[in-house]
Amino acid sequence: MKDICIRVNAGTIPSAALIGQMPDIEIYEQLMEVRVVGSWTVDMLNVFTLCRPDIMPVTDYGVRKGFQVL
């Protein structure tokens, strides 16, 4: 949390409005630099906050287990 706060205050993490306009790859590049933010976190941001339907969170256990059941 401290790293996120430091980066937000320094302006190295874009605002929510700007993130909404960025392509997926740029969001991953920007946010994966933050300590403890991984691909799963960025996937969840894209799916639930930005409502992007074309994201497949393949590292999510629930998704993997669902595919296994199918």
Protein backbone atom coordinates (compact mmCIF):
# COMPACT_ATOMS: atom_id res chain seq x y z
CA MET A 1 0.00 0.00 0.00
CA LYS A 2 2.85 2.37 0.80
CA ASP A 3 4.38 1.91 -2.63
CA ILE A 4 1.04 2.61 -4.30
CA CYS A 5 0.56 5.77 -2.21
CA ILE A 6 4.08 6.99 -2.95
CA ARG A 7 3.62 6.41 -6.67
CA VAL A 8 0.20 8.09 -6.76
CA ASN A 9 1.56 11.14 -4.94
CA ALA A 10 4.58 11.25 -7.27
CA GLY A 11 2.30 11.01 -10.30
CA THR A 12 3.86 7.82 -11.67
CA ILE A 13 0.56 5.94 -11.50
CA PRO A 14 -2.00 7.45 -13.88
CA SER A 15 -5.37 8.62 -12.63
CA ALA A 16 -8.40 6.34 -12.88
CA ALA A 17 -9.79 8.40 -15.76
CA LEU A 18 -6.53 8.10 -17.69
CA ILE A 19 -6.23 4.36 -16.99
CA GLY A 20 -9.71 3.91 -18.46
CA GLN A 21 -8.50 5.35 -21.76
CA MET A 22 -5.25 3.35 -21.93
CA PRO A 23 -4.83 0.12 -23.90
CA ASP A 24 -4.47 -3.07 -21.85
CA ILE A 25 -0.75 -3.50 -22.51
CA GLU A 26 0.05 -0.01 -21.20
CA ILE A 27 -1.99 -0.63 -18.06
CA TYR A 28 -0.01 -3.82 -17.43
CA GLU A 29 3.30 -2.02 -18.04
CA GLN A 30 2.43 0.86 -15.70
CA LEU A 31 0.93 -1.10 -12.82
CA MET A 32 3.19 -4.16 -12.82
CA GLU A 33 6.07 -1.89 -11.76
CA VAL A 34 4.33 -1.36 -8.42
CA ARG A 35 5.52 -3.62 -5.64
CA VAL A 36 3.13 -6.59 -5.02
CA VAL A 37 0.89 -5.74 -7.98
CA GLY A 38 0.83 -8.71 -10.32
CA SER A 39 -1.01 -9.76 -13.41
CA TRP A 40 -3.98 -11.05 -11.39
CA THR A 41 -4.48 -7.64 -9.78
CA VAL A 42 -4.34 -5.87 -13.13
CA ASP A 43 -6.71 -8.45 -14.63
CA MET A 44 -9.23 -7.84 -11.84
CA LEU A 45 -8.96 -4.07 -12.35
CA ASN A 46 -9.61 -4.51 -16.06
CA VAL A 47 -12.54 -6.88 -15.61
CA PHE A 48 -14.39 -5.36 -12.65
CA THR A 49 -13.42 -1.68 -12.57
CA LEU A 50 -12.92 -0.94 -16.26
CA CYS A 51 -15.58 -3.49 -17.38
CA ARG A 52 -13.41 -4.86 -20.16
CA PRO A 53 -15.01 -8.14 -21.26
CA ASP A 54 -12.06 -9.41 -23.29
CA ILE A 55 -9.76 -10.11 -20.32
CA MET A 56 -9.12 -13.73 -19.36
CA PRO A 57 -7.55 -13.94 -15.89
CA VAL A 58 -5.75 -17.24 -16.50
CA THR A 59 -3.87 -17.04 -13.19
CA ASP A 60 -7.14 -16.90 -11.22
CA TYR A 61 -7.77 -20.14 -9.35
CA GLY A 62 -11.53 -19.99 -9.83
CA VAL A 63 -11.18 -19.59 -13.59
CA ARG A 64 -8.67 -22.42 -13.81
CA LYS A 65 -10.85 -24.69 -11.68
CA GLY A 66 -13.90 -23.85 -13.78
CA PHE A 67 -12.08 -24.85 -16.95
CA GLN A 68 -10.96 -28.03 -15.26
CA VAL A 69 -14.56 -28.91 -14.40
CA LEU A 70 -15.69 -28.21 -17.95
